[in-house]
Amino acid sequence: MTISAAMVKELRERTGSGMMECKKALGEANGDLDTAVEILRKSGLAKADKKSGRTAAEGLIIVESSTDGRCAAMIEVNCETDFVAKEPAFINFAKAAAQCVLKNKPANVDELAKLRLSDADAASVDDVRKALIAKIGENMSIRRFVVMESAAGRVANYLHGTRIGVLVEMQGGTAELAKDIAMHVAASKPVCVNESEVPADVIAKEKEIFTAQAAESGKPAEIIEKMVLGRVKKYLKEVTLLGQPFIKDPDTAVEKLLQSSKATVTRFQRFEVGEGIEKKAGNFAEEVMAQVRGS
């Protein structure tokens, strides 16, 4: 059967696949478009599976918020290179996934993967992800997401470019203050809101380290104990949001700032692209040639 340019064009529009791939699939399907779509889909899944073991440590942080400002979803979607992170198709997928999270509030990434990406797309989130892998040629994954909802307060967000995102739930205060606190969290990386939230084993470990360091001074035990208590106190101020100096006014602690505005931060979440992912060292030229050869 003759495969016309119009048939190839229609298949490309339906699948986003390359011209030669579409022509080959139509040939295998004897010109049947639906069968050709299925062939390309199976081929795409196979390519996605092949790339699934490759490290994806670049990507985007996307935030979507409800119109009333009481709920927000933040998601990290990863790819292998910052080049692909700027691709419109990848950006659109990440935004659609964030909107899906905000709308459906899935329990985890596995549950999200099974949901329809959008009302306009019957395919699941995972099927669209795999099709995008086949089209672009890089491994991609939805690493994590969080949904934050406040019954009485507000949920503010701050994005530093596309690599750092923060959600903050705050009671009282103003929307501007909540935004400032989110910006502060992005810059200062607090571990938790207040000292009571710092795990006891973390404090014990820090105390152990400080004690060993202080012991080298040769000072009496009672002096060493005071030194250690002072260092632990300093450490707690450094890792807690309330103890940190406010990024816009270092002479004022965040706790004092919130008190002056009669505001309370209930919780926060900070995402940074690729944090904690071990990147594999590799030869970039070899990777490029491998992709050129179609591996």
C-alpha atoms as a PDB file:
ATOM      1  CA  MET A   1       0.000   0.000   0.000  1.00  0.00           C
ATOM      2  CA  THR A   2       1.249   3.519  -0.800  1.00  0.00           C
ATOM      3  CA  ILE A   3       1.882   5.645   2.267  1.00  0.00           C
ATOM      4  CA  SER A   4       1.012   9.258   1.441  1.00  0.00           C
ATOM      5  CA  ALA A   5       2.564  12.361   2.946  1.00  0.00           C
ATOM      6  CA  ALA A   6      -0.866  13.306   4.328  1.00  0.00           C
ATOM      7  CA  MET A   7      -1.058  10.005   6.265  1.00  0.00           C
ATOM      8  CA  VAL A   8       2.421  10.537   7.703  1.00  0.00           C
ATOM      9  CA  LYS A   9       1.489  14.107   8.660  1.00  0.00           C
ATOM     10  CA  GLU A  10      -1.677  12.991  10.464  1.00  0.00           C
ATOM     11  CA  LEU A  11       0.166  10.270  12.368  1.00  0.00           C
ATOM     12  CA  ARG A  12       2.884  12.719  13.405  1.00  0.00           C
ATOM     13  CA  GLU A  13       0.234  15.123  14.712  1.00  0.00           C
ATOM     14  CA  ARG A  14      -1.431  12.341  16.695  1.00  0.00           C
ATOM     15  CA  THR A  15       1.731  10.891  18.212  1.00  0.00           C
ATOM     16  CA  GLY A  16       4.496  13.492  18.037  1.00  0.00           C
ATOM     17  CA  SER A  17       6.831  10.854  16.598  1.00  0.00           C
ATOM     18  CA  GLY A  18       9.443  11.448  13.898  1.00  0.00           C
ATOM     19  CA  MET A  19       8.617  11.350  10.187  1.00  0.00           C
ATOM     20  CA  MET A  20      10.572   8.178   9.441  1.00  0.00           C
ATOM     21  CA  GLU A  21       9.140   6.385  12.472  1.00  0.00           C
ATOM     22  CA  CYS A  22       5.611   7.291  11.343  1.00  0.00           C
ATOM     23  CA  LYS A  23       6.261   6.135   7.793  1.00  0.00           C
ATOM     24  CA  LYS A  24       7.661   2.826   9.036  1.00  0.00           C
ATOM     25  CA  ALA A  25       4.733   2.271  11.418  1.00  0.00           C
ATOM     26  CA  LEU A  26       2.199   3.002   8.680  1.00  0.00           C
ATOM     27  CA  GLY A  27       3.947   0.493   6.445  1.00  0.00           C
ATOM     28  CA  GLU A  28       3.754  -2.177   9.147  1.00  0.00           C
ATOM     29  CA  ALA A  29       0.092  -1.306   9.724  1.00  0.00           C
ATOM     30  CA  ASN A  30      -0.831  -1.429   6.042  1.00  0.00           C
ATOM     31  CA  GLY A  31      -1.872   2.208   6.216  1.00  0.00           C
ATOM     32  CA  ASP A  32      -4.248   1.782   9.170  1.00  0.00           C
ATOM     33  CA  LEU A  33      -3.763   4.871  11.346  1.00  0.00           C
ATOM     34  CA  ASP A  34      -5.092   3.355  14.586  1.00  0.00           C
ATOM     35  CA  THR A  35      -2.853   0.327  14.243  1.00  0.00           C
ATOM     36  CA  ALA A  36       0.096   2.581  13.459  1.00  0.00           C
ATOM     37  CA  VAL A  37      -0.602   4.585  16.619  1.00  0.00           C
ATOM     38  CA  GLU A  38      -0.535   1.361  18.641  1.00  0.00           C
ATOM     39  CA  ILE A  39       2.746   0.298  17.009  1.00  0.00           C
ATOM     40  CA  LEU A  40       4.351   3.624  17.868  1.00  0.00           C
ATOM     41  CA  ARG A  41       2.989   3.488  21.402  1.00  0.00           C
ATOM     42  CA  LYS A  42       4.515   0.045  21.964  1.00  0.00           C
ATOM     43  CA  SER A  43       7.778   1.240  20.468  1.00  0.00           C
ATOM     44  CA  GLY A  44       7.713   4.260  22.754  1.00  0.00           C
ATOM     45  CA  LEU A  45       7.153   2.139  25.847  1.00  0.00           C
ATOM     46  CA  ALA A  46      10.096  -0.048  24.894  1.00  0.00           C
ATOM     47  CA  LYS A  47      12.326   3.010  24.467  1.00  0.00           C
ATOM     48  CA  ALA A  48      11.137   4.423  27.777  1.00  0.00           C
ATOM     49  CA  ASP A  49      11.888   1.165  29.583  1.00  0.00           C
ATOM     50  CA  LYS A  50      15.357   1.125  28.039  1.00  0.00           C
ATOM     51  CA  LYS A  51      16.091   4.623  29.344  1.00  0.00           C
ATOM     52  CA  SER A  52      14.547   4.120  32.799  1.00  0.00           C
ATOM     53  CA  GLY A  53      17.872   3.250  34.429  1.00  0.00           C
ATOM     54  CA  ARG A  54      19.572   6.494  33.414  1.00  0.00           C
ATOM     55  CA  THR A  55      20.046   9.188  36.056  1.00  0.00           C
ATOM     56  CA  ALA A  56      17.594  12.071  35.811  1.00  0.00           C
ATOM     57  CA  ALA A  57      18.861  14.815  38.138  1.00  0.00           C
ATOM     58  CA  GLU A  58      17.886  17.940  36.183  1.00  0.00           C
ATOM     59  CA  GLY A  59      14.359  19.210  35.708  1.00  0.00           C
ATOM     60  CA  LEU A  60      11.776  21.622  37.073  1.00  0.00           C
ATOM     61  CA  ILE A  61       9.916  22.588  40.212  1.00  0.00           C
ATOM     62  CA  ILE A  62       6.339  23.608  39.377  1.00  0.00           C
ATOM     63  CA  VAL A  63       3.738  25.113  41.735  1.00  0.00           C
ATOM     64  CA  GLU A  64       0.004  25.317  41.095  1.00  0.00           C
ATOM     65  CA  SER A  65      -2.317  27.132  43.516  1.00  0.00           C
ATOM     66  CA  SER A  66      -6.071  27.268  44.058  1.00  0.00           C
ATOM     67  CA  THR A  67      -7.811  30.555  43.298  1.00  0.00           C
ATOM     68  CA  ASP A  68      -8.636  31.164  46.980  1.00  0.00           C
ATOM     69  CA  GLY A  69      -4.990  30.763  48.042  1.00  0.00           C
ATOM     70  CA  ARG A  70      -5.762  28.038  50.568  1.00  0.00           C
ATOM     71  CA  CYS A  71      -4.304  25.100  48.681  1.00  0.00           C
ATOM     72  CA  ALA A  72      -1.221  24.550  46.545  1.00  0.00           C
ATOM     73  CA  ALA A  73       0.621  21.655  44.930  1.00  0.00           C
ATOM     74  CA  MET A  74       4.351  21.560  44.290  1.00  0.00           C
ATOM     75  CA  ILE A  75       6.011  18.928  42.108  1.00  0.00           C
ATOM     76  CA  GLU A  76       9.522  17.996  40.996  1.00  0.00           C
ATOM     77  CA  VAL A  77       9.755  16.509  37.504  1.00  0.00           C
ATOM     78  CA  ASN A  78      13.190  15.320  36.424  1.00  0.00           C
ATOM     79  CA  CYS A  79      15.055  14.791  33.170  1.00  0.00           C
ATOM     80  CA  GLU A  80      18.703  14.101  32.336  1.00  0.00           C
ATOM     81  CA  THR A  81      19.879  17.501  31.055  1.00  0.00           C
ATOM     82  CA  ASP A  82      19.073  21.165  31.663  1.00  0.00           C
ATOM     83  CA  PHE A  83      18.625  21.489  27.895  1.00  0.00           C
ATOM     84  CA  VAL A  84      15.544  19.235  27.971  1.00  0.00           C
ATOM     85  CA  ALA A  85      14.308  21.017  31.116  1.00  0.00           C
ATOM     86  CA  LYS A  86      13.793  24.063  28.853  1.00  0.00           C
ATOM     87  CA  GLU A  87      11.867  22.129  26.186  1.00  0.00           C
ATOM     88  CA  PRO A  88       8.245  23.378  25.869  1.00  0.00           C
ATOM     89  CA  ALA A  89       6.916  19.791  25.710  1.00  0.00           C
ATOM     90  CA  PHE A  90       8.668  18.902  28.976  1.00  0.00           C
ATOM     91  CA  ILE A  91       7.541  22.130  30.672  1.00  0.00           C
ATOM     92  CA  ASN A  92       3.933  21.596  29.563  1.00  0.00           C
ATOM     93  CA  PHE A  93       3.976  18.025  30.894  1.00  0.00           C
ATOM     94  CA  ALA A  94       5.327  19.180  34.262  1.00  0.00           C
ATOM     95  CA  LYS A  95       2.660  21.902  34.523  1.00  0.00           C
ATOM     96  CA  ALA A  96      -0.111  19.482  33.595  1.00  0.00           C
ATOM     97  CA  ALA A  97       1.162  16.999  36.196  1.00  0.00           C
ATOM     98  CA  ALA A  98       1.146  19.731  38.865  1.00  0.00           C
ATOM     99  CA  GLN A  99      -2.417  20.684  37.917  1.00  0.00           C
ATOM    100  CA  CYS A 100      -3.400  17.012  38.131  1.00  0.00           C
ATOM    101  CA  VAL A 101      -1.936  16.816  41.644  1.00  0.00           C
ATOM    102  CA  LEU A 102      -3.777  19.966  42.761  1.00  0.00           C
ATOM    103  CA  LYS A 103      -7.083  18.700  41.365  1.00  0.00           C
ATOM    104  CA  ASN A 104      -6.928  15.051  42.478  1.00  0.00           C
ATOM    105  CA  LYS A 105      -4.623  15.155  45.536  1.00  0.00           C
ATOM    106  CA  PRO A 106      -3.193  11.640  44.977  1.00  0.00           C
ATOM    107  CA  ALA A 107      -1.561   9.880  47.924  1.00  0.00           C
ATOM    108  CA  ASN A 108       1.779   9.222  46.210  1.00  0.00           C
ATOM    109  CA  VAL A 109       3.651   9.190  42.898  1.00  0.00           C
ATOM    110  CA  ASP A 110       2.409   5.692  41.989  1.00  0.00           C
ATOM    111  CA  GLU A 111      -1.193   6.802  42.402  1.00  0.00           C
ATOM    112  CA  LEU A 112      -0.538   9.947  40.365  1.00  0.00           C
ATOM    113  CA  ALA A 113       0.975   7.874  37.537  1.00  0.00           C
ATOM    114  CA  LYS A 114      -2.364   6.076  37.016  1.00  0.00           C
ATOM    115  CA  LEU A 115      -4.500   9.216  36.823  1.00  0.00           C
ATOM    116  CA  ARG A 116      -5.535  10.920  33.588  1.00  0.00           C
ATOM    117  CA  LEU A 117      -3.115  13.756  32.937  1.00  0.00           C
ATOM    118  CA  SER A 118      -5.958  16.152  32.130  1.00  0.00           C
ATOM    119  CA  ASP A 119      -9.592  16.279  31.091  1.00  0.00           C
ATOM    120  CA  ALA A 120      -8.428  16.938  27.542  1.00  0.00           C
ATOM    121  CA  ASP A 121      -6.148  13.878  27.473  1.00  0.00           C
ATOM    122  CA  ALA A 122      -7.440  10.344  28.005  1.00  0.00           C
ATOM    123  CA  ALA A 123      -3.901   9.007  28.530  1.00  0.00           C
ATOM    124  CA  SER A 124      -2.561   8.455  32.027  1.00  0.00           C
ATOM    125  CA  VAL A 125       0.212  10.589  33.512  1.00  0.00           C
ATOM    126  CA  ASP A 126       2.635   7.684  33.141  1.00  0.00           C
ATOM    127  CA  ASP A 127       1.668   6.944  29.533  1.00  0.00           C
ATOM    128  CA  VAL A 128       2.256  10.581  28.591  1.00  0.00           C
ATOM    129  CA  ARG A 129       5.580  10.528  30.437  1.00  0.00           C
ATOM    130  CA  LYS A 130       6.727   7.434  28.550  1.00  0.00           C
ATOM    131  CA  ALA A 131       5.609   8.869  25.219  1.00  0.00           C
ATOM    132  CA  LEU A 132       7.619  12.004  25.982  1.00  0.00           C
ATOM    133  CA  ILE A 133      10.688   9.898  26.772  1.00  0.00           C
ATOM    134  CA  ALA A 134      10.351   8.196  23.393  1.00  0.00           C
ATOM    135  CA  LYS A 135       9.934  11.528  21.616  1.00  0.00           C
ATOM    136  CA  ILE A 136      12.715  13.498  23.324  1.00  0.00           C
ATOM    137  CA  GLY A 137      15.142  10.665  24.027  1.00  0.00           C
ATOM    138  CA  GLU A 138      15.874  11.238  27.719  1.00  0.00           C
ATOM    139  CA  ASN A 139      14.760   9.486  30.865  1.00  0.00           C
ATOM    140  CA  MET A 140      12.142  11.490  32.783  1.00  0.00           C
ATOM    141  CA  SER A 141      10.465  10.921  36.107  1.00  0.00           C
ATOM    142  CA  ILE A 142       8.103  12.517  38.571  1.00  0.00           C
ATOM    143  CA  ARG A 143      10.220  12.329  41.690  1.00  0.00           C
ATOM    144  CA  ARG A 144       7.949  13.817  44.345  1.00  0.00           C
ATOM    145  CA  PHE A 145       5.132  16.227  45.080  1.00  0.00           C
ATOM    146  CA  VAL A 146       3.394  17.789  48.038  1.00  0.00           C
ATOM    147  CA  VAL A 147      -0.103  19.178  48.505  1.00  0.00           C
ATOM    148  CA  MET A 148      -0.523  21.812  51.211  1.00  0.00           C
ATOM    149  CA  GLU A 149      -3.990  22.929  52.279  1.00  0.00           C
ATOM    150  CA  SER A 150      -5.011  25.371  54.989  1.00  0.00           C
ATOM    151  CA  ALA A 151      -8.506  25.461  56.461  1.00  0.00           C
ATOM    152  CA  ALA A 152      -8.214  28.862  58.118  1.00  0.00           C
ATOM    153  CA  GLY A 153      -4.960  30.406  56.908  1.00  0.00           C
ATOM    154  CA  ARG A 154      -3.205  30.793  53.578  1.00  0.00           C
ATOM    155  CA  VAL A 155      -0.650  28.821  51.571  1.00  0.00           C
ATOM    156  CA  ALA A 156       1.998  31.022  49.988  1.00  0.00           C
ATOM    157  CA  ASN A 157       4.560  29.922  47.459  1.00  0.00           C
ATOM    158  CA  TYR A 158       7.839  31.141  46.059  1.00  0.00           C
ATOM    159  CA  LEU A 159       9.740  29.924  43.021  1.00  0.00           C
ATOM    160  CA  HIS A 160      13.386  30.807  42.519  1.00  0.00           C
ATOM    161  CA  GLY A 161      13.548  30.319  38.773  1.00  0.00           C
ATOM    162  CA  THR A 162      12.540  26.733  38.064  1.00  0.00           C
ATOM    163  CA  ARG A 163      15.012  24.974  40.374  1.00  0.00           C
ATOM    164  CA  ILE A 164      13.832  25.885  43.899  1.00  0.00           C
ATOM    165  CA  GLY A 165      10.266  25.959  45.153  1.00  0.00           C
ATOM    166  CA  VAL A 166       8.723  26.613  48.572  1.00  0.00           C
ATOM    167  CA  LEU A 167       5.250  26.299  50.073  1.00  0.00           C
ATOM    168  CA  VAL A 168       4.426  27.943  53.413  1.00  0.00           C
ATOM    169  CA  GLU A 169       1.247  27.630  55.467  1.00  0.00           C
ATOM    170  CA  MET A 170       0.671  30.693  57.622  1.00  0.00           C
ATOM    171  CA  GLN A 171      -2.042  31.811  60.001  1.00  0.00           C
ATOM    172  CA  GLY A 172      -2.569  35.573  60.330  1.00  0.00           C
ATOM    173  CA  GLY A 173      -0.325  38.210  58.806  1.00  0.00           C
ATOM    174  CA  THR A 174      -0.531  39.348  55.205  1.00  0.00           C
ATOM    175  CA  ALA A 175      -0.106  37.695  51.838  1.00  0.00           C
ATOM    176  CA  GLU A 176       3.043  39.787  51.337  1.00  0.00           C
ATOM    177  CA  LEU A 177       4.554  38.541  54.610  1.00  0.00           C
ATOM    178  CA  ALA A 178       3.745  34.932  53.725  1.00  0.00           C
ATOM    179  CA  LYS A 179       5.496  35.402  50.361  1.00  0.00           C
ATOM    180  CA  ASP A 180       8.518  36.908  52.128  1.00  0.00           C
ATOM    181  CA  ILE A 181       8.716  33.944  54.496  1.00  0.00           C
ATOM    182  CA  ALA A 182       8.578  31.553  51.535  1.00  0.00           C
ATOM    183  CA  MET A 183      11.415  33.503  49.906  1.00  0.00           C
ATOM    184  CA  HIS A 184      13.386  33.314  53.150  1.00  0.00           C
ATOM    185  CA  VAL A 185      12.954  29.528  53.299  1.00  0.00           C
ATOM    186  CA  ALA A 186      14.215  29.241  49.725  1.00  0.00           C
ATOM    187  CA  ALA A 187      17.377  31.201  50.568  1.00  0.00           C
ATOM    188  CA  SER A 188      18.141  30.062  54.127  1.00  0.00           C
ATOM    189  CA  LYS A 189      17.146  26.369  53.984  1.00  0.00           C
ATOM    190  CA  PRO A 190      15.753  25.894  57.508  1.00  0.00           C
ATOM    191  CA  VAL A 191      15.220  22.270  58.521  1.00  0.00           C
ATOM    192  CA  CYS A 192      12.010  22.847  60.487  1.00  0.00           C
ATOM    193  CA  VAL A 193       9.816  25.585  61.941  1.00  0.00           C
ATOM    194  CA  ASN A 194      10.932  25.541  65.596  1.00  0.00           C
ATOM    195  CA  GLU A 195      13.275  23.792  68.033  1.00  0.00           C
ATOM    196  CA  SER A 196      10.644  21.300  69.218  1.00  0.00           C
ATOM    197  CA  GLU A 197      10.527  19.819  65.707  1.00  0.00           C
ATOM    198  CA  VAL A 198      14.252  19.038  65.565  1.00  0.00           C
ATOM    199  CA  PRO A 199      14.609  15.261  66.119  1.00  0.00           C
ATOM    200  CA  ALA A 200      16.198  14.321  69.448  1.00  0.00           C
ATOM    201  CA  ASP A 201      18.716  12.018  67.755  1.00  0.00           C
ATOM    202  CA  VAL A 202      19.911  14.902  65.549  1.00  0.00           C
ATOM    203  CA  ILE A 203      20.481  17.113  68.589  1.00  0.00           C
ATOM    204  CA  ALA A 204      22.256  14.237  70.386  1.00  0.00           C
ATOM    205  CA  LYS A 205      24.551  13.710  67.396  1.00  0.00           C
ATOM    206  CA  GLU A 206      25.414  17.396  67.167  1.00  0.00           C
ATOM    207  CA  LYS A 207      26.043  17.501  70.926  1.00  0.00           C
ATOM    208  CA  GLU A 208      28.386  14.519  70.584  1.00  0.00           C
ATOM    209  CA  ILE A 209      30.357  16.270  67.823  1.00  0.00           C
ATOM    210  CA  PHE A 210      30.538  19.566  69.749  1.00  0.00           C
ATOM    211  CA  THR A 211      31.657  17.737  72.912  1.00  0.00           C
ATOM    212  CA  ALA A 212      34.493  16.021  71.068  1.00  0.00           C
ATOM    213  CA  GLN A 213      35.606  19.333  69.571  1.00  0.00           C
ATOM    214  CA  ALA A 214      35.427  21.166  72.903  1.00  0.00           C
ATOM    215  CA  ALA A 215      37.339  18.403  74.714  1.00  0.00           C
ATOM    216  CA  GLU A 216      40.390  19.223  72.613  1.00  0.00           C
ATOM    217  CA  SER A 217      40.571  22.618  74.300  1.00  0.00           C
ATOM    218  CA  GLY A 218      41.734  20.992  77.557  1.00  0.00           C
ATOM    219  CA  LYS A 219      39.354  23.128  79.604  1.00  0.00           C
ATOM    220  CA  PRO A 220      37.553  21.873  82.762  1.00  0.00           C
ATOM    221  CA  ALA A 221      34.440  19.686  82.307  1.00  0.00           C
ATOM    222  CA  GLU A 222      32.025  22.362  83.587  1.00  0.00           C
ATOM    223  CA  ILE A 223      33.411  24.886  81.070  1.00  0.00           C
ATOM    224  CA  ILE A 224      33.188  22.318  78.275  1.00  0.00           C
ATOM    225  CA  GLU A 225      29.540  21.654  79.170  1.00  0.00           C
ATOM    226  CA  LYS A 226      28.737  25.373  78.897  1.00  0.00           C
ATOM    227  CA  MET A 227      30.583  25.558  75.575  1.00  0.00           C
ATOM    228  CA  VAL A 228      28.615  22.609  74.224  1.00  0.00           C
ATOM    229  CA  LEU A 229      25.269  24.045  75.380  1.00  0.00           C
ATOM    230  CA  GLY A 230      26.144  27.323  73.682  1.00  0.00           C
ATOM    231  CA  ARG A 231      27.048  25.593  70.430  1.00  0.00           C
ATOM    232  CA  VAL A 232      23.856  23.493  70.476  1.00  0.00           C
ATOM    233  CA  LYS A 233      21.800  26.648  71.041  1.00  0.00           C
ATOM    234  CA  LYS A 234      23.535  28.311  68.108  1.00  0.00           C
ATOM    235  CA  TYR A 235      22.956  25.228  65.937  1.00  0.00           C
ATOM    236  CA  LEU A 236      19.223  25.221  66.733  1.00  0.00           C
ATOM    237  CA  LYS A 237      18.938  28.869  65.709  1.00  0.00           C
ATOM    238  CA  GLU A 238      20.677  28.086  62.432  1.00  0.00           C
ATOM    239  CA  VAL A 239      18.417  25.171  61.430  1.00  0.00           C
ATOM    240  CA  THR A 240      15.021  26.448  62.610  1.00  0.00           C
ATOM    241  CA  LEU A 241      12.955  28.982  60.699  1.00  0.00           C
ATOM    242  CA  LEU A 242      12.003  30.951  63.830  1.00  0.00           C
ATOM    243  CA  GLY A 243      15.604  31.176  65.026  1.00  0.00           C
ATOM    244  CA  GLN A 244      17.106  32.425  61.764  1.00  0.00           C
ATOM    245  CA  PRO A 245      17.737  36.106  61.006  1.00  0.00           C
ATOM    246  CA  PHE A 246      15.208  37.299  58.422  1.00  0.00           C
ATOM    247  CA  ILE A 247      16.782  37.405  54.974  1.00  0.00           C
ATOM    248  CA  LYS A 248      15.509  40.966  54.283  1.00  0.00           C
ATOM    249  CA  ASP A 249      16.467  42.291  57.721  1.00  0.00           C
ATOM    250  CA  PRO A 250      19.295  40.274  59.340  1.00  0.00           C
ATOM    251  CA  ASP A 251      18.934  42.229  62.608  1.00  0.00           C
ATOM    252  CA  THR A 252      15.462  40.740  63.133  1.00  0.00           C
ATOM    253  CA  ALA A 253      14.797  37.062  63.831  1.00  0.00           C
ATOM    254  CA  VAL A 254      11.960  35.473  61.866  1.00  0.00           C
ATOM    255  CA  GLU A 255      10.210  34.702  65.161  1.00  0.00           C
ATOM    256  CA  LYS A 256      10.158  38.402  66.115  1.00  0.00           C
ATOM    257  CA  LEU A 257       8.969  39.359  62.639  1.00  0.00           C
ATOM    258  CA  LEU A 258       6.038  36.965  62.847  1.00  0.00           C
ATOM    259  CA  GLN A 259       5.155  38.054  66.376  1.00  0.00           C
ATOM    260  CA  SER A 260       5.036  41.708  65.327  1.00  0.00           C
ATOM    261  CA  SER A 261       2.542  40.791  62.593  1.00  0.00           C
ATOM    262  CA  LYS A 262       0.556  38.409  64.813  1.00  0.00           C
ATOM    263  CA  ALA A 263       1.320  35.616  62.369  1.00  0.00           C
ATOM    264  CA  THR A 264       2.236  31.962  62.815  1.00  0.00           C
ATOM    265  CA  VAL A 265       3.942  29.610  60.376  1.00  0.00           C
ATOM    266  CA  THR A 266       2.426  26.156  60.701  1.00  0.00           C
ATOM    267  CA  ARG A 267       4.665  24.321  58.241  1.00  0.00           C
ATOM    268  CA  PHE A 268       6.724  24.702  55.102  1.00  0.00           C
ATOM    269  CA  GLN A 269       8.139  22.537  52.328  1.00  0.00           C
ATOM    270  CA  ARG A 270      11.192  23.281  50.230  1.00  0.00           C
ATOM    271  CA  PHE A 271      12.114  21.443  47.006  1.00  0.00           C
ATOM    272  CA  GLU A 272      15.325  21.865  45.049  1.00  0.00           C
ATOM    273  CA  VAL A 273      15.872  20.135  41.721  1.00  0.00           C
ATOM    274  CA  GLY A 274      18.069  17.067  42.022  1.00  0.00           C
ATOM    275  CA  GLU A 275      18.884  17.444  45.717  1.00  0.00           C
ATOM    276  CA  GLY A 276      20.074  14.114  47.121  1.00  0.00           C
ATOM    277  CA  ILE A 277      20.376  12.466  43.700  1.00  0.00           C
ATOM    278  CA  GLU A 278      23.826  11.080  43.043  1.00  0.00           C
ATOM    279  CA  LYS A 279      24.887  12.103  39.558  1.00  0.00           C
ATOM    280  CA  LYS A 280      26.905   9.584  37.612  1.00  0.00           C
ATOM    281  CA  ALA A 281      30.163  10.797  36.151  1.00  0.00           C
ATOM    282  CA  GLY A 282      30.334  10.178  32.439  1.00  0.00           C
ATOM    283  CA  ASN A 283      31.900  11.161  29.160  1.00  0.00           C
ATOM    284  CA  PHE A 284      29.592  13.737  27.586  1.00  0.00           C
ATOM    285  CA  ALA A 285      30.936  13.200  24.057  1.00  0.00           C
ATOM    286  CA  GLU A 286      30.333   9.463  24.339  1.00  0.00           C
ATOM    287  CA  GLU A 287      26.794  10.067  25.595  1.00  0.00           C
ATOM    288  CA  VAL A 288      26.051  12.323  22.625  1.00  0.00           C
ATOM    289  CA  MET A 289      27.412   9.765  20.169  1.00  0.00           C
ATOM    290  CA  ALA A 290      25.407   7.021  21.853  1.00  0.00           C
ATOM    291  CA  GLN A 291      22.221   9.059  21.360  1.00  0.00           C
ATOM    292  CA  VAL A 292      23.179   9.728  17.719  1.00  0.00           C
ATOM    293  CA  ARG A 293      23.525   5.968  17.211  1.00  0.00           C
ATOM    294  CA  GLY A 294      20.045   5.570  18.682  1.00  0.00           C
ATOM    295  CA  SER A 295      20.937   3.790  21.917  1.00  0.00           C
END
